[in-house]
Amino acid sequence: VTVAYNKDSDPSKLNLGVGAYRTEEGKPLVLNVVRQAEQKLVNDPSRVKEYLPIVGLADFNKGSAKLIFGADSPAIQENRVATVQCLSGTGSLRVGGEFLAKHYYEKTVYIPSPTWGNHPKIFTLAGLSVKTYRYYDPATRGLDFQGLLEDLGNAPTGAIVLLHACAHNPTGVDPTLDQWEQIRKLMRSKGLLPFFDSAYQGFASGSLDADAQSVRMFVADGAQSYAKNMGLYAERVGALSIVCKTADVASRVESQLKLVIRPMYSNPPLHGASIVATILNDSNLYNEWTVELKAMADRIISMRKQLLEALQAKGTPGDWTHIIKQIGMFTFTGLNAEQVAFMTREYHIYMTSDGRISMAGLSSKTVPHLADAMHAAVTRVA
């Protein structure tokens, strides 16, 4: 999508395929708090470039576990969490997948349909067998909750279930807290192993705690990424946390994770993890981060409202309220591949053929152009 967009010379062109935050001016954003943390690191003469341990930076790992599970989590207080620094969310999932393929008795992982395109490849290459469970209902452009419960209910005891902690990618559709509780009860009764992918904590609702509620209800394995919520895309900074029954099991799990990581990439990079640790462990920087994070989330929420209002003002056929019901960076518009192709051809708007758009790629200036294109696509292309 990006290659085609870059080749297009039309001044009105719009790229809604990119999975990264953009400002109102359409520019990438480096958080002010990240610049401050980097400056602090650069000015510290005691910093060296020695290898990190295999499991990564200790302050980063502690801070990451606390951020996702909550500072008062009994699992953390009882030292039952094994956390290792990995190469962003993708690397965390891969290490977790390979660990489970080696040491867990059930080798099947269930992923939602649809899910992020990289999930099936990551788990297959890690040595697990991938199956899907129903998640999205195209008719309501919402959650197929009954289908989800049925499919997980039919999964073999002990199967691994991948869950998106919040801001499901690509659909933007999340279960309610009540639905999460039903999913948790079902998984507990069947002994299913929850594996959370948390790429958007704080980025979806603007609240770090609200976006971690699903994980905290389960207190399960989790893969974390700081690409989105700190804008550290290129630093490849993430964490894998595995919650264990006892502190003794946690230390054995950690030693087995080292055996997975050592031949894969030996040890993780220092810079990104140092930025995160600096922000998480300095109360002023942390508070400033929460403000910047909320501003990013609020801008995306405002784009949703503006797009819905523009479509309603045009009288575009159909119910478009799913745009504000969905959450996070992406919206599943419900447009089909022909309509998407029409919008690219006639309006120079680029997105994935499944109709997913990145709300962060929009601005107040470009909403009317997108609304015009969507209106034309819906009324002129079946």
Protein backbone atom coordinates (compact mmCIF):
# COMPACT_ATOMS: atom_id res chain seq x y z
CA VAL A 1 0.00 0.00 0.00
CA THR A 2 2.78 2.43 0.96
CA VAL A 3 4.78 1.71 -2.22
CA ALA A 4 1.74 2.51 -4.40
CA TYR A 5 1.03 5.64 -2.31
CA ASN A 6 4.62 6.88 -2.70
CA LYS A 7 4.43 6.51 -6.51
CA ASP A 8 1.21 8.55 -6.71
CA SER A 9 1.87 12.21 -7.58
CA ASP A 10 -1.69 13.47 -6.92
CA PRO A 11 -1.65 16.26 -4.26
CA SER A 12 -4.87 14.98 -2.66
CA LYS A 13 -3.46 11.48 -2.01
CA LEU A 14 -4.01 9.98 1.43
CA ASN A 15 -2.33 6.96 3.06
CA LEU A 16 -4.60 5.22 5.56
CA GLY A 17 -2.68 1.94 5.50
CA VAL A 18 0.15 2.96 7.80
CA GLY A 19 0.11 1.39 11.28
CA ALA A 20 1.86 4.26 13.01
CA TYR A 21 0.63 7.42 14.72
CA ARG A 22 0.57 10.63 12.71
CA THR A 23 0.01 14.22 13.87
CA GLU A 24 -2.77 16.49 12.57
CA GLU A 25 -0.19 17.58 9.94
CA GLY A 26 0.32 13.96 8.86
CA LYS A 27 3.84 13.82 10.31
CA PRO A 28 5.43 11.12 12.52
CA LEU A 29 5.57 12.18 16.19
CA VAL A 30 8.50 11.89 18.59
CA LEU A 31 7.05 12.35 22.08
CA ASN A 32 8.47 15.26 24.03
CA VAL A 33 8.97 12.92 27.00
CA VAL A 34 11.04 10.59 24.80
CA ARG A 35 13.29 13.49 23.75
CA GLN A 36 13.77 14.43 27.42
CA ALA A 37 14.61 10.85 28.41
CA GLU A 38 17.11 10.57 25.53
CA GLN A 39 18.75 13.84 26.54
CA LYS A 40 19.07 12.55 30.10
CA LEU A 41 20.71 9.34 28.83
CA VAL A 42 23.10 11.20 26.51
CA ASN A 43 24.21 13.48 29.37
CA ASP A 44 24.97 10.56 31.70
CA PRO A 45 28.77 9.98 31.48
CA SER A 46 28.53 6.66 33.35
CA ARG A 47 26.60 4.99 30.51
CA VAL A 48 28.50 2.36 28.52
CA LYS A 49 27.74 0.18 25.49
CA GLU A 50 28.34 -3.22 27.07
CA TYR A 51 26.05 -6.14 26.21
CA LEU A 52 22.86 -6.42 28.23
CA PRO A 53 22.12 -9.74 29.94
CA ILE A 54 20.16 -12.26 27.82
CA VAL A 55 16.89 -11.24 29.56
CA GLY A 56 17.54 -7.53 29.01
CA LEU A 57 17.54 -4.44 31.20
CA ALA A 58 16.33 -5.23 34.74
CA ASP A 59 14.70 -1.81 35.37
CA PHE A 60 12.86 -2.07 32.08
CA ASN A 61 11.56 -5.56 32.86
CA LYS A 62 10.36 -4.56 36.34
CA GLY A 63 8.66 -1.43 35.04
CA SER A 64 7.01 -3.29 32.14
CA ALA A 65 5.52 -5.98 34.38
CA LYS A 66 4.22 -3.31 36.76
CA LEU A 67 2.70 -1.31 33.88
CA ILE A 68 0.72 -4.24 32.47
CA PHE A 69 -0.25 -6.12 35.66
CA GLY A 70 -0.59 -3.12 38.01
CA ALA A 71 1.78 -2.02 40.77
CA ASP A 72 -0.20 -3.90 43.43
CA SER A 73 -0.45 -7.16 41.47
CA PRO A 74 -0.10 -10.17 43.83
CA ALA A 75 1.75 -12.04 41.04
CA ILE A 76 4.47 -9.36 41.04
CA GLN A 77 4.60 -9.09 44.83
CA GLU A 78 5.05 -12.87 45.10
CA ASN A 79 7.80 -12.88 42.40
CA ARG A 80 5.71 -15.19 40.21
CA VAL A 81 6.28 -13.21 36.99
CA ALA A 82 9.13 -14.03 34.61
CA THR A 83 9.69 -10.98 32.35
CA VAL A 84 12.24 -10.76 29.54
CA GLN A 85 12.99 -7.84 27.25
CA CYS A 86 12.37 -8.75 23.60
CA LEU A 87 12.42 -7.16 20.15
CA SER A 88 9.12 -5.25 20.33
CA GLY A 89 5.76 -7.05 20.20
CA THR A 90 6.71 -9.33 17.31
CA GLY A 91 9.84 -10.60 19.06
CA SER A 92 7.97 -11.06 22.34
CA LEU A 93 5.32 -13.20 20.62
CA ARG A 94 7.98 -15.24 18.84
CA VAL A 95 9.95 -15.95 22.02
CA GLY A 96 6.72 -16.82 23.86
CA GLY A 97 5.58 -19.06 21.01
CA GLU A 98 8.88 -20.92 20.86
CA PHE A 99 8.96 -21.36 24.65
CA LEU A 100 5.43 -22.85 24.58
CA ALA A 101 6.25 -25.09 21.59
CA LYS A 102 9.21 -26.52 23.56
CA HIS A 103 7.74 -26.81 27.05
CA TYR A 104 3.93 -26.76 26.96
CA TYR A 105 1.97 -29.96 26.45
CA GLU A 106 -0.65 -28.56 24.03
CA LYS A 107 0.83 -27.34 20.74
CA THR A 108 -2.26 -25.61 19.28
CA VAL A 109 -2.77 -21.85 19.44
CA TYR A 110 -6.17 -20.33 18.61
CA ILE A 111 -6.05 -16.84 17.09
CA PRO A 112 -9.02 -14.57 16.36
CA SER A 113 -10.44 -14.35 12.83
CA PRO A 114 -9.39 -11.88 11.57
CA THR A 115 -6.20 -10.93 13.38
CA TRP A 116 -2.94 -9.07 12.73
CA GLY A 117 -1.42 -10.60 9.57
CA ASN A 118 1.85 -11.52 11.29
CA HIS A 119 0.29 -13.66 14.05
CA PRO A 120 -0.20 -16.89 12.04
CA LYS A 121 3.35 -16.73 10.63
CA ILE A 122 4.98 -16.01 14.00
CA PHE A 123 3.32 -18.96 15.75
CA THR A 124 3.72 -21.40 12.86
CA LEU A 125 7.45 -20.67 12.62
CA ALA A 126 7.72 -20.95 16.42
CA GLY A 127 6.51 -24.56 16.08
CA LEU A 128 2.85 -24.28 17.07
CA SER A 129 -0.17 -25.35 15.07
CA VAL A 130 -2.50 -22.41 14.37
CA LYS A 131 -6.31 -22.53 14.40
CA THR A 132 -8.81 -19.68 14.45
CA TYR A 133 -11.84 -18.74 16.53
CA ARG A 134 -14.68 -16.51 15.34
CA TYR A 135 -14.26 -12.91 16.42
CA TYR A 136 -15.62 -10.31 14.00
CA ASP A 137 -19.17 -10.21 12.68
CA PRO A 138 -19.30 -8.38 9.31
CA ALA A 139 -23.09 -8.01 9.57
CA THR A 140 -22.95 -5.90 12.76
CA ARG A 141 -19.34 -4.72 12.26
CA GLY A 142 -18.96 -5.75 15.88
CA LEU A 143 -18.02 -8.80 17.94
CA ASP A 144 -19.32 -12.28 17.09
CA PHE A 145 -19.51 -13.10 20.80
CA GLN A 146 -21.58 -16.29 20.51
CA GLY A 147 -19.28 -17.63 17.78
CA LEU A 148 -16.26 -16.82 19.94
CA LEU A 149 -17.65 -18.65 22.99
CA GLU A 150 -18.68 -21.64 20.88
CA ASP A 151 -15.26 -21.98 19.20
CA LEU A 152 -13.32 -21.63 22.45
CA GLY A 153 -15.76 -24.03 24.10
CA ASN A 154 -14.89 -26.61 21.41
CA ALA A 155 -11.12 -26.08 21.70
CA PRO A 156 -9.15 -28.96 23.27
CA THR A 157 -8.40 -28.64 26.99
CA GLY A 158 -5.20 -26.70 27.56
CA ALA A 159 -5.08 -25.07 24.11
CA ILE A 160 -3.33 -21.67 23.91
CA VAL A 161 -5.62 -18.74 23.06
CA LEU A 162 -4.22 -15.52 21.66
CA LEU A 163 -6.19 -12.47 22.84
CA HIS A 164 -5.69 -8.80 21.97
CA ALA A 165 -5.54 -6.88 25.28
CA CYS A 166 -7.28 -3.84 23.76
CA ALA A 167 -7.77 -2.06 20.41
CA HIS A 168 -8.06 -5.29 18.41
CA ASN A 169 -6.02 -5.12 15.19
CA PRO A 170 -7.37 -4.95 12.47
CA THR A 171 -11.02 -4.53 13.49
CA GLY A 172 -10.97 -2.05 16.40
CA VAL A 173 -13.64 -4.24 18.04
CA ASP A 174 -13.12 -5.14 21.72
CA PRO A 175 -15.22 -7.24 24.12
CA THR A 176 -16.94 -5.35 26.95
CA LEU A 177 -15.70 -5.98 30.51
CA ASP A 178 -18.70 -8.23 31.10
CA GLN A 179 -17.85 -10.24 27.94
CA TRP A 180 -14.19 -10.44 29.04
CA GLU A 181 -15.38 -11.93 32.32
CA GLN A 182 -17.43 -14.57 30.47
CA ILE A 183 -14.43 -15.39 28.26
CA ARG A 184 -12.24 -15.69 31.37
CA LYS A 185 -14.70 -18.06 33.08
CA LEU A 186 -14.98 -20.25 29.99
CA MET A 187 -11.19 -20.41 29.55
CA ARG A 188 -10.68 -21.16 33.25
CA SER A 189 -13.25 -23.99 33.16
CA LYS A 190 -11.57 -25.55 30.08
CA GLY A 191 -8.01 -24.96 31.31
CA LEU A 192 -7.19 -22.86 28.21
CA LEU A 193 -3.95 -20.84 28.37
CA PRO A 194 -4.45 -17.13 27.68
CA PHE A 195 -1.67 -15.35 25.74
CA PHE A 196 -2.25 -11.59 25.47
CA ASP A 197 -0.80 -9.37 22.77
CA SER A 198 -0.74 -5.86 24.22
CA ALA A 199 0.42 -3.44 21.53
CA TYR A 200 -1.78 -0.48 22.43
CA GLN A 201 -1.93 -0.07 26.22
CA GLY A 202 -3.00 3.51 26.98
CA PHE A 203 -3.21 4.27 23.28
CA ALA A 204 -6.80 3.03 22.88
CA SER A 205 -8.77 4.82 25.59
CA GLY A 206 -6.06 7.21 26.79
CA SER A 207 -5.88 5.38 30.14
CA LEU A 208 -3.06 2.91 30.88
CA ASP A 209 -5.10 1.19 33.59
CA ALA A 210 -8.34 0.91 31.60
CA ASP A 211 -6.52 -0.61 28.62
CA ALA A 212 -4.86 -3.24 30.83
CA GLN A 213 -8.07 -4.40 32.53
CA SER A 214 -8.51 -7.47 30.35
CA VAL A 215 -4.98 -8.73 31.14
CA ARG A 216 -5.40 -8.00 34.85
CA MET A 217 -8.63 -10.01 34.95
CA PHE A 218 -6.76 -13.05 33.62
CA VAL A 219 -3.20 -12.33 34.83
CA ALA A 220 -1.77 -14.45 32.04
CA ASP A 221 1.16 -14.65 29.63
CA GLY A 222 1.56 -11.34 27.86
CA ALA A 223 3.56 -9.77 25.04
CA GLN A 224 4.04 -6.02 25.32
CA SER A 225 5.21 -3.42 22.85
CA TYR A 226 6.16 0.24 23.34
CA ALA A 227 6.09 0.99 19.60
CA LYS A 228 2.69 2.69 19.71
CA ASN A 229 2.25 4.09 23.21
CA MET A 230 5.73 5.68 23.36
CA GLY A 231 6.16 6.08 19.60
CA LEU A 232 9.35 3.97 19.78
CA TYR A 233 8.66 2.06 16.55
CA ALA A 234 12.24 1.78 15.31
CA GLU A 235 13.75 1.03 18.72
CA ARG A 236 12.08 -2.43 18.72
CA VAL A 237 11.39 -2.43 22.43
CA GLY A 238 8.99 -4.93 23.99
CA ALA A 239 8.63 -7.46 26.78
CA LEU A 240 7.32 -10.96 27.35
CA SER A 241 5.88 -11.73 30.79
CA ILE A 242 4.84 -15.18 31.93
CA VAL A 243 2.83 -15.48 35.14
CA CYS A 244 3.66 -18.68 37.04
CA LYS A 245 2.22 -20.57 40.01
CA THR A 246 5.20 -19.98 42.29
CA ALA A 247 8.41 -17.93 42.44
CA ASP A 248 10.41 -21.13 41.96
CA VAL A 249 8.59 -21.94 38.70
CA ALA A 250 9.12 -18.34 37.54
CA SER A 251 12.88 -18.62 37.94
CA ARG A 252 12.93 -21.94 36.04
CA VAL A 253 10.79 -20.41 33.27
CA GLU A 254 13.22 -17.50 33.03
CA SER A 255 16.18 -19.85 32.59
CA GLN A 256 14.33 -21.69 29.79
CA LEU A 257 13.49 -18.36 28.12
CA LYS A 258 17.22 -17.58 28.11
CA LEU A 259 17.80 -20.83 26.19
CA VAL A 260 15.25 -19.68 23.57
CA ILE A 261 16.70 -16.17 23.25
CA ARG A 262 20.44 -16.98 23.22
CA PRO A 263 20.56 -18.69 19.78
CA MET A 264 17.89 -16.34 18.37
CA TYR A 265 19.45 -12.88 18.91
CA SER A 266 21.72 -13.42 21.95
CA ASN A 267 20.60 -10.33 23.91
CA PRO A 268 18.37 -7.32 23.27
CA PRO A 269 19.39 -3.73 22.39
CA LEU A 270 19.96 -1.16 25.12
CA HIS A 271 18.80 2.24 23.88
CA GLY A 272 15.02 1.80 23.53
CA ALA A 273 14.73 -0.11 26.81
CA SER A 274 16.72 2.64 28.58
CA ILE A 275 14.29 5.28 27.27
CA VAL A 276 11.30 3.28 28.54
CA ALA A 277 12.93 2.54 31.91
CA THR A 278 13.84 6.24 32.34
CA ILE A 279 10.23 7.29 31.69
CA LEU A 280 8.65 4.55 33.82
CA ASN A 281 10.96 5.20 36.79
CA ASP A 282 10.80 9.00 36.90
CA SER A 283 7.45 10.23 38.25
CA ASN A 284 7.62 13.58 36.41
CA LEU A 285 8.41 11.96 33.07
CA TYR A 286 5.81 9.23 33.68
CA ASN A 287 3.10 11.82 34.38
CA GLU A 288 4.08 13.79 31.31
CA TRP A 289 3.93 10.59 29.24
CA THR A 290 0.37 9.86 30.39
CA VAL A 291 -0.66 13.36 29.26
CA GLU A 292 0.96 12.96 25.82
CA LEU A 293 -0.51 9.47 25.48
CA LYS A 294 -4.00 10.74 26.26
CA ALA A 295 -3.59 13.52 23.69
CA MET A 296 -2.75 10.92 20.99
CA ALA A 297 -5.70 8.72 21.96
CA ASP A 298 -8.04 11.74 22.09
CA ARG A 299 -6.98 12.89 18.61
CA ILE A 300 -7.85 9.45 17.20
CA ILE A 301 -11.21 9.43 19.03
CA SER A 302 -11.92 12.89 17.61
CA MET A 303 -11.12 11.68 14.05
CA ARG A 304 -13.70 8.91 14.53
CA LYS A 305 -16.37 11.44 15.56
CA GLN A 306 -15.54 13.79 12.68
CA LEU A 307 -15.68 10.99 10.10
CA LEU A 308 -19.02 9.70 11.41
CA GLU A 309 -20.49 13.22 11.39
CA ALA A 310 -19.23 13.87 7.84
CA LEU A 311 -20.83 10.63 6.54
CA GLN A 312 -24.10 11.35 8.35
CA ALA A 313 -24.17 14.91 6.99
CA LYS A 314 -23.84 13.49 3.47
CA GLY A 315 -26.62 10.99 4.10
CA THR A 316 -24.30 8.12 3.15
CA PRO A 317 -26.44 4.94 3.00
CA GLY A 318 -25.98 2.47 5.88
CA ASP A 319 -25.30 2.68 9.62
CA TRP A 320 -21.80 4.04 10.31
CA THR A 321 -21.96 4.17 14.12
CA HIS A 322 -19.45 1.29 14.29
CA ILE A 323 -16.78 3.94 13.53
CA ILE A 324 -17.18 5.41 17.03
CA LYS A 325 -17.94 2.08 18.72
CA GLN A 326 -14.64 0.59 17.55
CA ILE A 327 -11.49 1.64 19.42
CA GLY A 328 -7.78 2.16 18.84
CA MET A 329 -5.78 3.00 15.77
CA PHE A 330 -7.79 1.02 13.24
CA THR A 331 -11.36 0.92 11.96
CA PHE A 332 -12.86 -1.87 9.93
CA THR A 333 -15.04 0.28 7.67
CA GLY A 334 -17.05 -2.57 6.16
CA LEU A 335 -16.03 -1.45 2.64
CA ASN A 336 -15.31 -4.32 0.23
CA ALA A 337 -12.26 -4.80 -2.02
CA GLU A 338 -14.01 -3.28 -5.10
CA GLN A 339 -15.01 -0.19 -3.12
CA VAL A 340 -11.46 0.16 -1.78
CA ALA A 341 -10.02 -0.15 -5.32
CA PHE A 342 -12.50 2.49 -6.53
CA MET A 343 -11.42 4.91 -3.76
CA THR A 344 -7.76 4.40 -4.65
CA ARG A 345 -8.40 4.85 -8.38
CA GLU A 346 -10.78 7.82 -8.21
CA TYR A 347 -9.80 9.55 -4.96
CA HIS A 348 -6.13 8.52 -4.45
CA ILE A 349 -6.95 7.07 -1.01
CA TYR A 350 -4.78 4.11 -0.03
CA MET A 351 -5.75 1.41 2.48
CA THR A 352 -5.67 -2.38 2.81
CA SER A 353 -8.13 -4.21 0.55
CA ASP A 354 -10.13 -5.50 3.55
CA GLY A 355 -11.36 -1.94 4.19
CA ARG A 356 -9.23 -1.32 7.28
CA ILE A 357 -8.24 2.31 7.76
CA SER A 358 -5.76 3.84 10.18
CA MET A 359 -7.59 6.61 12.03
CA ALA A 360 -4.21 8.11 12.96
CA GLY A 361 -3.61 8.78 9.24
CA LEU A 362 -6.58 11.18 9.18
CA SER A 363 -6.74 14.88 10.04
CA SER A 364 -9.52 17.47 10.22
CA LYS A 365 -8.38 18.63 6.75
CA THR A 366 -8.59 15.16 5.15
CA VAL A 367 -11.81 13.86 6.76
CA PRO A 368 -14.06 15.57 4.13
CA HIS A 369 -12.03 14.00 1.28
CA LEU A 370 -12.36 10.53 2.83
CA ALA A 371 -16.10 11.04 3.50
CA ASP A 372 -16.62 12.08 -0.16
CA ALA A 373 -14.76 8.97 -1.33
CA MET A 374 -16.63 6.61 1.00
CA HIS A 375 -19.97 8.13 -0.01
CA ALA A 376 -19.14 7.70 -3.70
CA ALA A 377 -17.88 4.14 -3.17
CA VAL A 378 -21.02 3.08 -1.27
CA THR A 379 -23.44 4.69 -3.73
CA ARG A 380 -21.64 3.78 -6.97
CA VAL A 381 -19.92 0.43 -6.29
CA ALA A 382 -21.93 -2.57 -5.07
